[in-house]
């Protein structure tokens, strides 16, 4: 929402889109760079003078990671409310970005400067980072939509462009931060500084060009504009939920339970799978060792490559295109298949603590997890927008993100079953149990949801719309994937 639109276009879109694209690219670079090394930093043994890690157990590190990523999905609910009610999106983004940069630099504070308070300073940096994320994350995506008038056909394409920026940033993060950490001899705090620099670049770009390219977009709190609109239209009567609305809410709640299962497995990527990559995977190519964090870039790369492919498949299926619950079920099955690759990696080691598994097991796991994500994530968010009664749509979307937040915390709890230290053979056995348990749970959940699909579709009461012509449908599918993946990521 805005009171004035800026002038000027580039490639048929407002120039402000490319400002937001670049701002978000560097912010996502910052976030995913930090995410890629967080657990590795926590478990890194405290070294001699100038040590690099905190020396936590793997279980404690993964549990903390789950808490962190869970809060990352909770605080945007508060940040979005603050921006809508008091701050406006632009101010929220600048404050949030500044806090995120400060948090990254605090995490990168050398231990030699703060001897005896390493853990306290770490928590301080993490807390500031979480608060900043809450202000930044929900507002940048909203501003993309505000660049366009209602009904503007360019809006869907804009989210596709914006979404590519997110994934370019996510892809570069693992590559660059891994290279920086390797260059500084395993100093993960240098990686946090690198992430902080990315966030500062995002802020500088926004500060220098926002007024010129965005005009008044994001300056006025949405609640103020909404009140003016309601005053012009007259007060809307509050009515009780109808039976159709209650049925549709039931679908959202049931699908939310299944989305918890999916993300609890998927989010092992930054925790348990990250540790497995670091400690139990042969990452040598010739005489060069692939940095652990590079594998964190696989998901973003696969999304950019295969999102249009998956969207095209749905369209080409025509009338045979699966409904939303069946796509959800397929996503869960693909998640389970991904963990079969992790089981294969453990089996290849044969319980030998000195052995290493092939990195191709990880590539296969990340590929199938990404395919599952493309079946489930955009479908879930799109489903909420279709099923939630308009007068409580924001509440339902907030509830959906609460499911994701719970999933991230559960992911940390599940991953922590790797154990508090112990023999390597014991850790491998625990990893096998975790990977197997997730694979079985995902497969059973997928099958159960598949058989529930018809009943859930009945409860949707016609919300599942058919497509028009193939070209238009493909454009819509890619745009929906882009918009809702952008919101999630």
Protein backbone atom coordinates (compact mmCIF):
# COMPACT_ATOMS: atom_id res chain seq x y z
CA UNK A 1 0.00 0.00 0.00
CA UNK A 2 1.25 3.48 -0.69
CA UNK A 3 0.09 7.01 -1.34
CA UNK A 4 2.34 7.64 -4.33
CA UNK A 5 3.92 5.42 -6.98
CA UNK A 6 7.45 6.03 -8.25
CA UNK A 7 8.26 6.69 -11.88
CA UNK A 8 10.50 4.69 -14.23
CA UNK A 9 10.68 1.10 -15.40
CA UNK A 10 13.36 -1.43 -16.29
CA UNK A 11 12.69 -4.55 -18.39
CA UNK A 12 8.99 -3.68 -18.18
CA UNK A 13 8.91 -3.54 -14.35
CA UNK A 14 9.23 -0.66 -11.88
CA UNK A 15 12.87 0.06 -11.09
CA UNK A 16 12.01 -0.40 -7.42
CA UNK A 17 11.62 -4.12 -8.04
CA UNK A 18 15.31 -4.44 -8.83
CA UNK A 19 16.19 -2.42 -5.75
CA UNK A 20 14.16 -4.84 -3.60
CA UNK A 21 15.67 -7.77 -5.55
CA UNK A 22 19.22 -6.63 -4.68
CA UNK A 23 18.34 -5.72 -1.08
CA UNK A 24 16.83 -9.14 -0.46
CA UNK A 25 19.65 -10.95 -2.29
CA UNK A 26 22.24 -9.62 0.15
CA UNK A 27 20.01 -10.06 3.18
CA UNK A 28 19.38 -13.71 2.28
CA UNK A 29 23.10 -14.11 1.60
CA UNK A 30 23.72 -12.86 5.14
CA UNK A 31 21.12 -15.12 6.75
CA UNK A 32 22.01 -18.32 4.93
CA UNK A 33 25.74 -17.73 5.36
CA UNK A 34 25.21 -17.56 9.12
CA UNK A 35 22.83 -20.54 9.05
CA UNK A 36 25.36 -22.65 7.17
CA UNK A 37 28.06 -22.30 9.82
CA UNK A 38 26.06 -21.92 13.05
CA UNK A 39 26.09 -25.58 14.11
CA UNK A 40 29.66 -26.07 12.85
CA UNK A 41 30.80 -23.13 14.98
CA UNK A 42 29.03 -24.41 18.07
CA UNK A 43 30.58 -27.90 17.92
CA UNK A 44 34.05 -26.72 16.90
CA UNK A 45 36.38 -27.64 19.75
CA UNK A 46 37.63 -24.64 21.69
CA UNK A 47 41.19 -24.28 20.50
CA UNK A 48 44.19 -22.73 22.15
CA UNK A 49 44.60 -18.95 22.30
CA UNK A 50 42.20 -17.29 19.87
CA UNK A 51 39.93 -20.36 19.71
CA UNK A 52 37.25 -20.45 17.02
CA UNK A 53 34.40 -22.53 18.46
CA UNK A 54 32.34 -22.95 21.62
CA UNK A 55 32.92 -26.69 21.99
CA UNK A 56 29.28 -27.68 22.46
CA UNK A 57 28.06 -31.23 22.05
CA UNK A 58 26.37 -32.06 18.77
CA UNK A 59 23.04 -32.58 20.53
CA UNK A 60 23.13 -29.18 22.23
CA UNK A 61 24.20 -27.45 19.01
CA UNK A 62 21.39 -28.98 16.93
CA UNK A 63 18.83 -28.23 19.66
CA UNK A 64 19.92 -24.58 19.70
CA UNK A 65 19.76 -24.51 15.91
CA UNK A 66 16.14 -25.72 16.09
CA UNK A 67 15.24 -23.01 18.60
CA UNK A 68 16.90 -20.35 16.45
CA UNK A 69 15.16 -21.34 13.20
CA UNK A 70 11.86 -21.70 15.05
CA UNK A 71 12.11 -18.14 16.35
CA UNK A 72 13.02 -16.97 12.86
CA UNK A 73 9.45 -17.93 11.86
CA UNK A 74 7.82 -16.57 15.02
CA UNK A 75 9.25 -13.06 15.23
CA UNK A 76 8.03 -11.98 11.75
CA UNK A 77 4.49 -12.17 13.13
CA UNK A 78 5.44 -9.45 15.62
CA UNK A 79 7.58 -7.55 13.13
CA UNK A 80 4.81 -7.50 10.56
CA UNK A 81 2.36 -6.17 13.13
CA UNK A 82 4.77 -3.43 14.22
CA UNK A 83 5.33 -2.38 10.61
CA UNK A 84 1.62 -2.41 9.78
CA UNK A 85 0.61 -0.55 12.92
CA UNK A 86 3.41 1.86 13.78
CA UNK A 87 6.62 1.82 11.75
CA UNK A 88 5.78 1.34 8.11
CA UNK A 89 7.63 -1.23 6.05
CA UNK A 90 10.58 0.94 5.01
CA UNK A 91 11.50 1.94 8.55
CA UNK A 92 11.03 -1.64 9.78
CA UNK A 93 13.39 -2.92 7.10
CA UNK A 94 16.11 -0.41 8.00
CA UNK A 95 15.83 -1.06 11.74
CA UNK A 96 15.66 -4.81 11.22
CA UNK A 97 18.60 -4.81 8.83
CA UNK A 98 20.72 -2.76 11.23
CA UNK A 99 19.94 -5.19 14.06
CA UNK A 100 20.78 -8.18 11.85
CA UNK A 101 24.12 -6.66 10.85
CA UNK A 102 24.90 -5.89 14.50
CA UNK A 103 23.99 -9.45 15.46
CA UNK A 104 26.29 -10.93 12.82
CA UNK A 105 29.22 -8.76 13.89
CA UNK A 106 28.66 -9.64 17.55
CA UNK A 107 28.73 -13.33 16.63
CA UNK A 108 32.01 -12.62 14.84
CA UNK A 109 33.63 -11.00 17.90
CA UNK A 110 37.01 -12.74 18.47
CA UNK A 111 37.08 -14.84 21.63
CA UNK A 112 40.36 -13.21 22.65
CA UNK A 113 38.47 -9.93 23.13
CA UNK A 114 35.82 -11.38 25.45
CA UNK A 115 37.53 -14.19 27.34
CA UNK A 116 35.17 -15.82 29.84
CA UNK A 117 32.04 -14.34 28.22
CA UNK A 118 32.04 -16.13 24.87
CA UNK A 119 28.69 -17.84 25.43
CA UNK A 120 26.95 -14.72 26.76
CA UNK A 121 28.11 -12.64 23.79
CA UNK A 122 27.02 -15.41 21.43
CA UNK A 123 23.49 -15.38 22.88
CA UNK A 124 23.40 -11.59 22.68
CA UNK A 125 24.32 -11.64 19.00
CA UNK A 126 21.84 -14.39 18.23
CA UNK A 127 19.03 -12.61 20.04
CA UNK A 128 19.65 -9.33 18.22
CA UNK A 129 19.78 -11.22 14.92
CA UNK A 130 16.41 -12.88 15.62
CA UNK A 131 14.78 -9.56 16.49
CA UNK A 132 16.15 -7.94 13.35
CA UNK A 133 14.93 -10.81 11.20
CA UNK A 134 11.44 -10.35 12.63
CA UNK A 135 11.34 -6.77 11.39
CA UNK A 136 12.97 -7.39 8.02
CA UNK A 137 11.57 -10.70 6.74
CA UNK A 138 7.81 -10.03 6.51
CA UNK A 139 8.06 -6.54 5.04
CA UNK A 140 10.40 -6.75 2.08
CA UNK A 141 8.17 -9.27 0.25
CA UNK A 142 5.05 -7.20 0.91
CA UNK A 143 6.66 -4.17 -0.71
CA UNK A 144 7.14 -6.11 -3.95
CA UNK A 145 3.38 -6.47 -4.28
CA UNK A 146 2.86 -2.83 -3.36
CA UNK A 147 4.80 -1.75 -6.45
CA UNK A 148 1.81 -2.75 -8.59
CA UNK A 149 -1.80 -1.69 -8.74
CA UNK A 150 -4.45 -4.33 -8.11
CA UNK A 151 -4.97 -6.45 -11.22
CA UNK A 152 -1.60 -5.55 -12.76
CA UNK A 153 -0.56 -8.65 -14.70
CA UNK A 154 3.13 -7.89 -14.08
CA UNK A 155 2.83 -8.65 -10.37
CA UNK A 156 3.23 -12.43 -10.75
CA UNK A 157 6.31 -12.01 -12.90
CA UNK A 158 7.72 -9.60 -10.32
CA UNK A 159 7.63 -12.25 -7.61
CA UNK A 160 9.37 -14.68 -9.94
CA UNK A 161 12.20 -12.17 -10.43
CA UNK A 162 12.31 -11.41 -6.70
CA UNK A 163 12.37 -15.13 -5.90
CA UNK A 164 15.41 -15.62 -8.11
CA UNK A 165 17.20 -12.94 -6.08
CA UNK A 166 16.48 -14.84 -2.89
CA UNK A 167 17.91 -18.05 -4.26
CA UNK A 168 20.94 -16.39 -5.84
CA UNK A 169 21.75 -14.98 -2.39
CA UNK A 170 21.16 -18.35 -0.74
CA UNK A 171 23.33 -20.11 -3.32
CA UNK A 172 26.23 -17.66 -3.02
CA UNK A 173 26.13 -17.74 0.79
CA UNK A 174 27.33 -21.31 1.24
CA UNK A 175 29.99 -20.97 -1.45
CA UNK A 176 31.44 -17.66 -0.24
CA UNK A 177 31.26 -18.23 3.52
CA UNK A 178 32.78 -21.69 3.13
CA UNK A 179 35.65 -20.24 1.14
CA UNK A 180 36.19 -17.45 3.70
CA UNK A 181 36.22 -19.90 6.62
CA UNK A 182 38.67 -22.16 4.77
CA UNK A 183 40.92 -19.19 3.89
CA UNK A 184 41.10 -18.19 7.57
CA UNK A 185 42.01 -21.72 8.67
CA UNK A 186 38.61 -22.79 9.96
CA UNK A 187 37.76 -19.54 11.72
CA UNK A 188 33.96 -19.59 11.68
CA UNK A 189 33.82 -16.14 13.23
CA UNK A 190 35.33 -14.79 10.01
CA UNK A 191 32.26 -16.32 8.35
CA UNK A 192 29.94 -14.35 10.65
CA UNK A 193 31.82 -11.16 9.73
CA UNK A 194 31.32 -12.07 6.06
CA UNK A 195 27.58 -12.48 6.71
CA UNK A 196 27.52 -9.11 8.48
CA UNK A 197 29.17 -7.43 5.52
CA UNK A 198 26.46 -8.86 3.25
CA UNK A 199 23.79 -7.36 5.50
CA UNK A 200 25.54 -3.98 5.48
CA UNK A 201 25.57 -4.05 1.67
CA UNK A 202 21.82 -4.69 1.75
CA UNK A 203 21.29 -1.68 4.04
CA UNK A 204 23.49 0.64 2.00
CA UNK A 205 21.65 -0.23 -1.22
CA UNK A 206 18.28 0.37 0.46
CA UNK A 207 19.39 3.64 2.05
CA UNK A 208 20.85 5.14 -1.13
CA UNK A 209 18.12 4.26 -3.61
CA UNK A 210 14.86 3.64 -1.71
CA UNK A 211 13.37 7.10 -1.90
CA UNK A 212 14.27 7.53 -5.56
CA UNK A 213 13.03 4.14 -6.74
CA UNK A 214 10.21 3.37 -4.28
CA UNK A 215 8.68 6.79 -3.72
CA UNK A 216 6.26 6.61 -0.78
CA UNK A 217 5.87 2.83 -0.89
CA UNK A 218 6.28 1.37 2.59
CA UNK A 219 6.47 4.73 4.37
CA UNK A 220 2.89 4.82 5.71
CA UNK A 221 1.81 2.04 8.12
CA UNK A 222 -0.71 -0.25 6.45
CA UNK A 223 -3.15 0.00 9.37
CA UNK A 224 -3.50 3.73 8.79
CA UNK A 225 -4.27 3.22 5.11
CA UNK A 226 -6.67 0.37 5.93
CA UNK A 227 -8.60 2.53 8.38
CA UNK A 228 -8.98 5.20 5.74
CA UNK A 229 -10.26 2.59 3.28
CA UNK A 230 -12.76 1.16 5.81
CA UNK A 231 -13.98 4.66 6.65
CA UNK A 232 -14.65 5.28 2.98
CA UNK A 233 -16.49 1.96 2.50
CA UNK A 234 -18.36 1.87 5.80
CA UNK A 235 -17.85 -0.52 8.71
CA UNK A 236 -17.87 -4.24 7.85
CA UNK A 237 -20.21 -6.35 9.96
CA UNK A 238 -18.62 -9.15 11.96
CA UNK A 239 -20.35 -12.42 11.19
CA UNK A 240 -19.91 -15.93 12.61
CA UNK A 241 -18.10 -18.52 10.52
CA UNK A 242 -20.28 -20.51 8.15
CA UNK A 243 -20.14 -24.31 7.86
CA UNK A 244 -18.14 -24.01 4.62
CA UNK A 245 -15.64 -21.71 6.30
CA UNK A 246 -15.32 -24.07 9.27
CA UNK A 247 -14.69 -27.01 6.93
CA UNK A 248 -12.01 -25.07 5.09
CA UNK A 249 -10.31 -24.11 8.35
CA UNK A 250 -10.31 -27.79 9.30
CA UNK A 251 -8.39 -28.51 6.10
CA UNK A 252 -5.81 -25.85 6.97
CA UNK A 253 -5.34 -27.30 10.45
CA UNK A 254 -5.01 -30.90 9.22
CA UNK A 255 -2.60 -29.95 6.46
CA UNK A 256 -0.67 -27.94 9.03
CA UNK A 257 0.03 -31.10 11.02
CA UNK A 258 1.49 -32.74 7.93
CA UNK A 259 3.56 -29.66 7.14
CA UNK A 260 5.15 -29.97 10.60
CA UNK A 261 6.29 -33.48 9.68
CA UNK A 262 7.77 -32.30 6.39
CA UNK A 263 9.72 -29.32 7.73
CA UNK A 264 10.92 -31.23 10.80
CA UNK A 265 12.66 -33.56 8.36
CA UNK A 266 13.68 -30.96 5.78
CA UNK A 267 15.33 -28.68 8.34
CA UNK A 268 17.84 -31.36 9.28
CA UNK A 269 19.78 -29.78 6.38
CA UNK A 270 21.34 -27.08 8.54
CA UNK A 271 21.70 -29.29 11.61
CA UNK A 272 22.26 -33.04 11.57
CA UNK A 273 22.94 -33.31 7.82
CA UNK A 274 25.37 -30.40 8.09
CA UNK A 275 27.30 -32.19 10.83
CA UNK A 276 27.20 -35.46 8.89
CA UNK A 277 28.66 -33.65 5.89
CA UNK A 278 31.41 -32.16 8.00
CA UNK A 279 32.46 -35.27 9.89
CA UNK A 280 31.44 -38.37 7.97
CA UNK A 281 31.55 -37.41 4.29
CA UNK A 282 34.46 -37.77 1.87
CA UNK A 283 34.57 -34.28 0.36
CA UNK A 284 37.83 -34.70 -1.52
CA UNK A 285 37.99 -34.04 -5.27
CA UNK A 286 41.50 -34.75 -6.41
CA UNK A 287 43.63 -33.04 -3.79
CA UNK A 288 41.03 -30.41 -2.89
CA UNK A 289 38.43 -30.66 -0.12
CA UNK A 290 34.97 -29.26 -0.85
CA UNK A 291 33.94 -26.95 2.06
CA UNK A 292 31.07 -28.32 4.13
CA UNK A 293 28.95 -25.21 3.64
CA UNK A 294 28.93 -25.60 -0.15
CA UNK A 295 26.40 -28.39 0.21
CA UNK A 296 24.01 -25.87 1.80
CA UNK A 297 23.86 -24.15 -1.59
CA UNK A 298 22.47 -27.22 -3.35
CA UNK A 299 18.87 -26.54 -2.30
CA UNK A 300 18.86 -23.01 -3.75
CA UNK A 301 20.51 -24.20 -6.96
CA UNK A 302 18.01 -27.04 -7.43
CA UNK A 303 15.07 -24.68 -6.79
CA UNK A 304 16.21 -22.22 -9.47
CA UNK A 305 16.72 -25.04 -11.97
CA UNK A 306 13.67 -27.18 -11.27
CA UNK A 307 10.89 -24.81 -10.11
CA UNK A 308 9.85 -24.09 -13.74
CA UNK A 309 10.13 -27.81 -14.55
CA UNK A 310 7.81 -28.85 -11.71
CA UNK A 311 5.35 -26.09 -12.61
CA UNK A 312 5.39 -27.27 -16.23
CA UNK A 313 4.70 -30.86 -15.19
CA UNK A 314 1.57 -29.81 -13.26
CA UNK A 315 0.31 -27.88 -16.27
CA UNK A 316 0.99 -30.65 -18.78
CA UNK A 317 -0.97 -33.08 -16.65
CA UNK A 318 -4.04 -30.94 -17.39
CA UNK A 319 -7.17 -32.45 -15.87
CA UNK A 320 -5.00 -35.15 -14.28
CA UNK A 321 -3.09 -32.61 -12.21
CA UNK A 322 -3.08 -33.78 -8.56
CA UNK A 323 -5.05 -31.79 -6.02
CA UNK A 324 -3.30 -29.97 -3.16
CA UNK A 325 -3.44 -32.81 -0.59
CA UNK A 326 -2.02 -35.29 -3.13
CA UNK A 327 0.81 -32.86 -3.96
CA UNK A 328 1.44 -32.57 -0.23
CA UNK A 329 1.55 -36.36 0.05
CA UNK A 330 4.00 -36.53 -2.85
CA UNK A 331 6.20 -33.97 -1.10
CA UNK A 332 6.33 -36.15 2.01
CA UNK A 333 7.17 -39.25 -0.04
CA UNK A 334 10.00 -37.38 -1.79
CA UNK A 335 11.32 -36.25 1.59
CA UNK A 336 11.39 -39.89 2.69
CA UNK A 337 13.24 -40.90 -0.48
CA UNK A 338 15.82 -38.21 0.25
CA UNK A 339 16.50 -39.76 3.65
CA UNK A 340 16.96 -43.16 2.00
CA UNK A 341 20.09 -41.60 0.48
CA UNK A 342 21.26 -40.59 3.96
CA UNK A 343 20.64 -44.16 5.13
CA UNK A 344 22.75 -45.31 2.19
CA UNK A 345 25.54 -42.96 3.28
CA UNK A 346 25.60 -44.48 6.78
CA UNK A 347 25.46 -48.04 5.41
CA UNK A 348 28.41 -47.33 3.12
CA UNK A 349 30.52 -46.60 6.21
CA UNK A 350 29.67 -50.01 7.64
CA UNK A 351 29.94 -48.73 11.21
CA UNK A 352 33.62 -47.93 10.71
CA UNK A 353 34.45 -44.67 12.48
CA UNK A 354 37.44 -44.10 10.22
CA UNK A 355 35.47 -44.54 6.99
CA UNK A 356 33.85 -41.76 4.96
CA UNK A 357 30.72 -41.87 2.80
CA UNK A 358 30.47 -40.56 -0.75
CA UNK A 359 29.32 -36.97 -1.16
CA UNK A 360 26.92 -38.10 -3.90
CA UNK A 361 24.61 -39.51 -1.24
CA UNK A 362 24.19 -35.95 0.02
CA UNK A 363 23.60 -34.56 -3.45
CA UNK A 364 20.84 -37.13 -3.97
CA UNK A 365 19.28 -36.36 -0.58
CA UNK A 366 19.23 -32.60 -1.20
CA UNK A 367 17.80 -33.14 -4.69
CA UNK A 368 14.82 -35.17 -3.48
CA UNK A 369 14.26 -32.88 -0.51
CA UNK A 370 14.09 -29.92 -2.89
CA UNK A 371 11.65 -31.75 -5.15
CA UNK A 372 9.51 -32.40 -2.09
CA UNK A 373 9.73 -28.74 -1.11
CA UNK A 374 8.52 -27.67 -4.56
CA UNK A 375 5.52 -29.99 -4.20
CA UNK A 376 4.62 -28.82 -0.73
CA UNK A 377 5.79 -25.33 0.23
CA UNK A 378 4.16 -23.14 -2.44
CA UNK A 379 1.10 -25.41 -2.45
CA UNK A 380 0.61 -25.03 1.29
CA UNK A 381 0.84 -21.25 1.37
CA UNK A 382 -1.34 -20.92 -1.71
CA UNK A 383 -3.90 -23.23 -0.10
CA UNK A 384 -4.13 -21.01 2.97
CA UNK A 385 -4.84 -17.95 0.84
CA UNK A 386 -7.59 -19.88 -0.99
CA UNK A 387 -9.24 -21.48 2.05
CA UNK A 388 -8.96 -18.90 4.83
CA UNK A 389 -12.02 -16.67 5.28
CA UNK A 390 -11.06 -13.18 4.14
CA UNK A 391 -11.78 -11.56 7.50
CA UNK A 392 -9.29 -13.85 9.29
CA UNK A 393 -6.85 -14.47 6.42
CA UNK A 394 -3.91 -12.86 8.23
CA UNK A 395 -4.66 -14.87 11.36
CA UNK A 396 -4.68 -18.12 9.36
CA UNK A 397 -1.41 -17.24 7.63
CA UNK A 398 0.07 -16.49 11.04
CA UNK A 399 -1.14 -19.88 12.26
CA UNK A 400 0.50 -21.51 9.23
CA UNK A 401 3.84 -19.95 10.12
CA UNK A 402 3.37 -21.19 13.68
CA UNK A 403 3.25 -24.71 12.24
CA UNK A 404 6.55 -24.02 10.46
CA UNK A 405 8.07 -22.56 13.64
CA UNK A 406 7.03 -25.66 15.61
CA UNK A 407 8.50 -27.87 12.89
CA UNK A 408 11.87 -26.13 13.13
CA UNK A 409 12.01 -26.61 16.89
CA UNK A 410 11.00 -30.26 16.53
CA UNK A 411 13.74 -30.64 13.91
CA UNK A 412 16.25 -29.52 16.52
CA UNK A 413 14.89 -31.94 19.11
CA UNK A 414 14.97 -34.85 16.64
CA UNK A 415 18.46 -34.00 15.41
CA UNK A 416 19.75 -33.75 18.98
CA UNK A 417 19.21 -37.50 19.36
CA UNK A 418 22.62 -37.84 17.71
CA UNK A 419 23.80 -37.73 21.33
CA UNK A 420 25.93 -35.68 23.69
CA UNK A 421 29.36 -36.73 22.47
CA UNK A 422 30.14 -40.42 22.87
CA UNK A 423 31.90 -42.81 20.53
CA UNK A 424 31.76 -42.18 16.80
CA UNK A 425 30.20 -45.61 16.24
CA UNK A 426 27.40 -44.66 18.64
CA UNK A 427 26.84 -41.38 16.78
CA UNK A 428 26.61 -43.25 13.48
CA UNK A 429 24.08 -45.67 14.95
CA UNK A 430 22.04 -42.76 16.28
CA UNK A 431 22.23 -41.00 12.90
CA UNK A 432 20.98 -44.16 11.19
CA UNK A 433 18.04 -44.32 13.62
CA UNK A 434 17.17 -40.67 13.03
CA UNK A 435 17.39 -40.89 9.23
CA UNK A 436 15.37 -44.12 9.23
CA UNK A 437 12.76 -42.74 11.60
CA UNK A 438 12.24 -39.62 9.49
CA UNK A 439 12.06 -41.65 6.27
CA UNK A 440 9.46 -44.03 7.72
CA UNK A 441 7.43 -41.22 9.31
CA UNK A 442 7.43 -39.20 6.08
CA UNK A 443 6.40 -42.21 3.98
CA UNK A 444 3.58 -43.27 6.32
CA UNK A 445 2.36 -39.68 6.57
CA UNK A 446 2.39 -39.35 2.78
CA UNK A 447 0.37 -42.52 2.30
CA UNK A 448 -2.11 -41.52 5.02
CA UNK A 449 -2.58 -38.07 3.50
CA UNK A 450 -3.06 -39.58 0.04
CA UNK A 451 -6.01 -41.63 1.29
CA UNK A 452 -7.44 -38.60 3.12
CA UNK A 453 -7.19 -36.40 0.02
CA UNK A 454 -10.72 -36.90 -1.31
CA UNK A 455 -12.31 -36.02 2.02
CA UNK A 456 -10.12 -32.93 2.38
CA UNK A 457 -11.05 -31.79 -1.13
CA UNK A 458 -14.73 -32.19 -0.19
CA UNK A 459 -14.15 -29.93 2.82
CA UNK A 460 -12.57 -27.33 0.52
CA UNK A 461 -15.99 -26.81 -1.10
CA UNK A 462 -14.73 -25.96 -4.56
CA UNK A 463 -11.64 -23.95 -3.60
CA UNK A 464 -9.54 -26.15 -5.91
CA UNK A 465 -9.78 -24.20 -9.17
CA UNK A 466 -9.08 -25.57 -12.64
CA UNK A 467 -6.63 -23.99 -15.09
CA UNK A 468 -7.37 -22.12 -18.32
CA UNK A 469 -5.06 -22.37 -21.30
CA UNK A 470 -1.68 -24.08 -20.90
CA UNK A 471 0.52 -21.00 -21.33
CA UNK A 472 -1.45 -18.92 -18.83
CA UNK A 473 -1.57 -21.80 -16.36
CA UNK A 474 2.19 -22.33 -16.55
CA UNK A 475 2.83 -18.63 -15.92
CA UNK A 476 0.45 -18.69 -12.94
CA UNK A 477 2.03 -21.85 -11.50
CA UNK A 478 5.58 -20.49 -11.70
CA UNK A 479 4.46 -17.16 -10.22
CA UNK A 480 2.62 -18.83 -7.32
CA UNK A 481 5.69 -20.95 -6.61
CA UNK A 482 7.87 -17.84 -6.68
CA UNK A 483 5.62 -15.69 -4.51
CA UNK A 484 5.02 -18.18 -1.77
CA UNK A 485 8.54 -19.61 -1.72
CA UNK A 486 9.74 -16.01 -1.42
CA UNK A 487 7.52 -15.52 1.62
CA UNK A 488 8.71 -18.78 3.24
CA UNK A 489 12.40 -18.27 2.59
